[in-house]
């Protein structure tokens, strides 16, 4: 697509982005940035338009997703009508997979997973402060991975990550493993882990698991089928959860 004919596009807030007539121009309400000649290597709108636009200075062809970094706080995922070719992940143009949304959302952002079923294998969360949540506790999305192969459904590697209002099923070792500090799991339905359902590992100090239903552990190795397995993590809070059909220990703490 030639720069001079690039179609307009809107971000999550309805702001218009466009390149036209050999000029680089981004409009966002009252804020705009423009320059004549070839597109610059990088330009950022003042006051946070939600986008950092980086056209390739050596080419007149612009990939609208590769060249746009999302700064908006919230992106959406839909199993029924999402697309991983969406540049914004806006509620009107959601992503199709949680894994792709986590690649696009900035640190401290929110990924809202709309109701539906998501079979994505292991997903690692490696950006600090990210929240992955459903719409509410009565409309939880179901996120699954086989307990017989692969890794954990969610592996939380970053600090201050929150999982909320999700149904998470399966996982080869754990359904959810926490490795980053100050992680929170809240109001989730978690079940079907290959060994334990929740694993809180040594580096996951100050973790919280609250208001969850945890069940059906030990699908692969019943004797290791704890509800919550804590190994070497300090200052862990486990409160107001319901644990059922746990094949080994409900909460197993090991130094």
Protein backbone atom coordinates (compact mmCIF):
# COMPACT_ATOMS: atom_id res chain seq x y z
CA UNK A 1 0.00 0.00 0.00
CA UNK A 2 1.56 3.32 -0.99
CA UNK A 3 1.85 5.97 1.66
CA UNK A 4 -0.08 8.47 -0.43
CA UNK A 5 -3.08 6.16 -0.51
CA UNK A 6 -3.05 4.70 2.99
CA UNK A 7 -6.63 4.48 4.26
CA UNK A 8 -7.65 6.21 7.45
CA UNK A 9 -7.94 4.16 10.61
CA UNK A 10 -9.28 4.91 14.07
CA UNK A 11 -7.88 3.88 17.42
CA UNK A 12 -9.75 2.77 20.55
CA UNK A 13 -10.82 6.34 21.31
CA UNK A 14 -12.06 7.04 17.76
CA UNK A 15 -9.07 9.21 16.87
CA UNK A 16 -8.08 9.21 13.21
CA UNK A 17 -4.63 8.18 11.97
CA UNK A 18 -3.62 8.66 8.34
CA UNK A 19 -0.76 9.25 5.93
CA UNK A 20 -1.55 11.13 2.73
CA UNK A 21 -0.17 13.21 -0.14
CA UNK A 22 3.46 12.58 0.78
CA UNK A 23 2.95 14.12 4.21
CA UNK A 24 3.02 12.24 7.47
CA UNK A 25 0.04 13.27 9.57
CA UNK A 26 -1.66 11.86 12.64
CA UNK A 27 -4.83 13.44 13.99
CA UNK A 28 -6.18 12.78 17.48
CA UNK A 29 -8.90 15.21 18.38
CA UNK A 30 -7.26 18.57 19.05
CA UNK A 31 -3.76 17.07 18.95
CA UNK A 32 -1.91 16.49 15.70
CA UNK A 33 1.54 15.92 14.35
CA UNK A 34 2.52 16.54 10.75
CA UNK A 35 5.63 16.83 8.64
CA UNK A 36 6.16 17.23 4.91
CA UNK A 37 8.29 14.97 2.73
CA UNK A 38 9.01 11.34 3.48
CA UNK A 39 7.54 9.80 6.62
CA UNK A 40 9.86 10.27 9.60
CA UNK A 41 11.55 7.30 11.22
CA UNK A 42 9.52 7.85 14.37
CA UNK A 43 6.88 10.26 15.62
CA UNK A 44 4.90 10.32 18.84
CA UNK A 45 1.73 12.31 19.33
CA UNK A 46 1.79 14.62 22.36
CA UNK A 47 -0.51 13.94 25.30
CA UNK A 48 -0.87 10.25 24.43
CA UNK A 49 -2.79 9.53 21.27
CA UNK A 50 -2.44 5.84 22.03
CA UNK A 51 0.00 5.20 19.19
CA UNK A 52 3.65 5.43 18.35
CA UNK A 53 3.85 5.33 14.55
CA UNK A 54 7.12 4.05 13.01
CA UNK A 55 6.99 3.84 9.22
CA UNK A 56 9.98 2.28 7.49
CA UNK A 57 12.00 5.25 6.15
CA UNK A 58 13.39 3.09 3.33
CA UNK A 59 10.03 2.07 1.90
CA UNK A 60 6.76 3.59 0.74
CA UNK A 61 4.92 0.53 2.05
CA UNK A 62 3.55 0.62 5.58
CA UNK A 63 2.33 -2.35 7.63
CA UNK A 64 -0.34 -0.80 9.86
CA UNK A 65 0.22 -3.31 12.68
CA UNK A 66 3.98 -3.70 12.67
CA UNK A 67 4.46 0.05 12.68
CA UNK A 68 2.02 0.92 15.47
CA UNK A 69 2.76 0.40 19.16
CA UNK A 70 -0.31 0.43 21.38
CA UNK A 71 -0.25 2.76 24.36
CA UNK A 72 -3.95 2.52 25.25
CA UNK A 73 -4.49 0.86 28.61
CA UNK A 74 -7.06 -1.78 27.59
CA UNK A 75 -7.28 -4.25 24.71
CA UNK A 76 -9.94 -6.89 24.02
CA UNK A 77 -9.92 -10.52 22.88
CA UNK A 78 -12.83 -12.39 21.29
CA UNK A 79 -12.85 -16.07 20.33
CA UNK A 80 -15.90 -15.56 18.11
CA UNK A 81 -15.12 -12.45 16.06
CA UNK A 82 -11.56 -11.40 16.92
CA UNK A 83 -8.63 -11.08 14.53
CA UNK A 84 -4.91 -11.05 15.22
CA UNK A 85 -4.51 -8.70 12.26
CA UNK A 86 -6.24 -5.97 14.28
CA UNK A 87 -3.83 -3.14 15.04
CA UNK A 88 -5.61 -1.88 18.13
CA UNK A 89 -7.47 -4.66 19.94
CA UNK A 90 -10.29 -2.19 20.48
CA UNK A 91 -13.65 -3.45 21.68
CA UNK A 92 -14.96 -3.05 18.10
CA UNK A 93 -11.89 -4.79 16.62
CA UNK A 94 -10.69 -7.29 19.22
CA UNK A 95 -7.78 -9.69 18.93
CA UNK A 96 -8.49 -13.40 18.43
CA UNK A 97 -5.98 -14.84 20.91
CA UNK A 98 -4.81 -13.96 24.39
CA UNK A 99 -1.24 -14.72 23.41
CA UNK A 100 -1.29 -12.08 20.67
CA UNK A 101 -2.99 -9.55 22.93
CA UNK A 102 -0.22 -10.01 25.49
CA UNK A 103 2.34 -9.26 22.81
CA UNK A 104 0.58 -6.01 21.93
CA UNK A 105 -0.60 -4.65 25.27
CA UNK A 106 1.86 -2.36 27.09
CA UNK A 107 3.14 -2.96 30.59
CA UNK A 108 0.49 -2.10 33.21
CA UNK A 109 -2.23 -2.61 30.59
CA UNK A 110 -5.41 -4.68 30.73
CA UNK A 111 -6.43 -7.57 28.49
CA UNK A 112 -10.21 -8.11 28.64
CA UNK A 113 -11.07 -11.64 27.46
CA UNK A 114 -14.65 -11.78 26.20
CA UNK A 115 -16.76 -14.92 26.83
CA UNK A 116 -15.83 -17.94 24.73
CA UNK A 117 -13.38 -20.85 24.63
CA UNK A 118 -9.67 -20.31 24.06
CA UNK A 119 -7.39 -23.30 23.35
CA UNK A 120 -3.96 -21.73 23.20
CA UNK A 121 -1.54 -24.03 25.01
CA UNK A 122 0.91 -22.42 27.43
CA UNK A 123 0.79 -18.64 27.66
CA UNK A 124 3.56 -16.77 29.44
CA UNK A 125 2.89 -13.32 30.87
CA UNK A 126 6.16 -11.43 30.85
CA UNK A 127 5.12 -7.77 31.12
CA UNK A 128 4.92 -6.16 34.53
CA UNK A 129 1.60 -4.93 35.87
CA UNK A 130 -0.60 -6.60 33.23
CA UNK A 131 -4.14 -7.67 34.16
CA UNK A 132 -5.89 -10.46 32.23
CA UNK A 133 -9.56 -10.58 33.13
CA UNK A 134 -12.99 -11.63 32.00
CA UNK A 135 -15.92 -9.27 31.78
CA UNK A 136 -17.25 -10.39 35.17
CA UNK A 137 -17.53 -13.49 37.36
CA UNK A 138 -20.75 -14.66 35.67
CA UNK A 139 -19.34 -14.42 32.12
CA UNK A 140 -15.95 -16.04 32.53
CA UNK A 141 -14.11 -17.07 29.37
CA UNK A 142 -12.73 -20.63 29.34
CA UNK A 143 -8.99 -20.86 28.67
CA UNK A 144 -7.72 -24.42 28.18
CA UNK A 145 -4.60 -26.50 27.65
CA UNK A 146 -4.14 -30.27 27.82
CA UNK A 147 -2.89 -31.76 31.13
CA UNK A 148 -1.07 -34.43 29.08
CA UNK A 149 1.31 -32.23 27.09
CA UNK A 150 2.77 -28.73 26.91
CA UNK A 151 3.23 -26.42 29.85
CA UNK A 152 1.02 -24.53 32.29
CA UNK A 153 -2.01 -22.72 30.88
CA UNK A 154 -0.69 -19.48 32.38
CA UNK A 155 2.90 -19.02 33.48
CA UNK A 156 3.23 -15.66 35.23
CA UNK A 157 6.84 -14.52 34.97
CA UNK A 158 6.49 -10.77 35.56
CA UNK A 159 5.73 -8.73 38.66
CA UNK A 160 2.31 -7.36 39.65
CA UNK A 161 0.32 -9.50 37.22
CA UNK A 162 -3.38 -10.09 37.96
CA UNK A 163 -5.68 -12.84 36.68
CA UNK A 164 -9.33 -12.16 37.42
CA UNK A 165 -12.77 -13.57 36.48
CA UNK A 166 -11.35 -16.37 34.29
CA UNK A 167 -11.99 -20.10 33.98
CA UNK A 168 -8.61 -21.77 33.42
CA UNK A 169 -8.51 -25.51 32.68
CA UNK A 170 -5.72 -28.08 32.34
CA UNK A 171 -1.99 -27.56 32.29
CA UNK A 172 0.73 -30.21 32.19
CA UNK A 173 2.18 -29.38 35.61
CA UNK A 174 0.10 -26.50 36.99
CA UNK A 175 -3.01 -24.83 35.69
CA UNK A 176 -1.47 -21.50 36.72
CA UNK A 177 2.11 -21.04 37.92
CA UNK A 178 3.27 -17.86 39.62
CA UNK A 179 6.95 -16.91 39.37
CA UNK A 180 6.79 -13.11 39.48
CA UNK A 181 6.42 -11.11 42.69
CA UNK A 182 3.12 -9.59 43.85
CA UNK A 183 0.94 -11.66 41.49
CA UNK A 184 -2.79 -11.96 42.18
CA UNK A 185 -5.38 -14.57 41.17
CA UNK A 186 -8.87 -13.39 42.03
CA UNK A 187 -12.41 -14.74 41.47
CA UNK A 188 -11.27 -17.44 39.05
CA UNK A 189 -12.42 -21.01 38.42
CA UNK A 190 -9.26 -23.11 38.17
CA UNK A 191 -9.26 -26.86 37.56
CA UNK A 192 -7.77 -29.91 35.91
CA UNK A 193 -4.04 -29.42 36.46
CA UNK A 194 -1.70 -32.29 35.61
CA UNK A 195 -0.32 -32.14 39.16
CA UNK A 196 -1.31 -29.17 41.35
CA UNK A 197 -3.80 -26.56 40.13
CA UNK A 198 -1.91 -23.48 41.35
CA UNK A 199 1.86 -23.40 41.76
CA UNK A 200 3.42 -20.52 43.71
CA UNK A 201 7.14 -20.86 43.23
CA UNK A 202 10.18 -19.53 45.04
CA UNK A 203 10.43 -16.17 43.29
CA UNK A 204 6.72 -15.35 43.73
CA UNK A 205 6.84 -13.45 47.01
CA UNK A 206 3.72 -11.54 48.09
CA UNK A 207 1.39 -13.61 45.91
CA UNK A 208 -2.38 -13.60 46.54
CA UNK A 209 -4.98 -16.24 45.64
CA UNK A 210 -8.45 -15.17 46.75
CA UNK A 211 -12.11 -15.83 46.02
CA UNK A 212 -11.36 -18.72 43.64
CA UNK A 213 -12.84 -22.18 43.10
CA UNK A 214 -10.00 -24.70 42.77
CA UNK A 215 -10.81 -28.31 41.92
CA UNK A 216 -9.96 -31.55 40.08
CA UNK A 217 -6.22 -31.62 40.67
CA UNK A 218 -3.81 -34.43 39.77
CA UNK A 219 -5.16 -35.28 36.34
CA UNK A 220 -1.76 -36.64 35.26
CA UNK A 221 -0.10 -37.54 38.59
CA UNK A 222 -2.75 -37.92 41.32
CA UNK A 223 -0.26 -38.27 44.21
CA UNK A 224 1.05 -34.78 43.38
CA UNK A 225 -2.42 -33.37 42.94
CA UNK A 226 -2.37 -30.47 45.39
CA UNK A 227 -4.87 -27.66 45.19
CA UNK A 228 -2.25 -24.96 45.80
CA UNK A 229 1.44 -25.87 45.92
CA UNK A 230 3.74 -23.28 47.52
CA UNK A 231 7.48 -23.80 47.30
CA UNK A 232 9.79 -21.34 49.02
CA UNK A 233 7.64 -18.26 48.36
CA UNK A 234 7.28 -15.81 51.24
CA UNK A 235 4.37 -13.64 52.35
CA UNK A 236 1.76 -15.60 50.40
CA UNK A 237 -1.93 -14.91 51.02
CA UNK A 238 -4.50 -17.63 50.25
CA UNK A 239 -7.98 -16.58 51.36
CA UNK A 240 -11.69 -17.23 50.79
CA UNK A 241 -11.21 -19.99 48.22
CA UNK A 242 -13.24 -23.17 47.72
CA UNK A 243 -11.21 -26.35 47.07
CA UNK A 244 -12.94 -29.56 45.99
CA UNK A 245 -11.89 -32.93 44.57
CA UNK A 246 -8.27 -32.35 45.51
CA UNK A 247 -6.36 -35.63 45.14
CA UNK A 248 -3.51 -34.81 47.51
CA UNK A 249 -3.16 -31.79 49.84
CA UNK A 250 -5.45 -28.76 49.62
CA UNK A 251 -2.63 -26.28 50.34
CA UNK A 252 0.85 -27.78 50.33
CA UNK A 253 3.63 -25.52 51.63
CA UNK A 254 7.26 -26.56 51.15
CA UNK A 255 10.38 -24.62 52.06
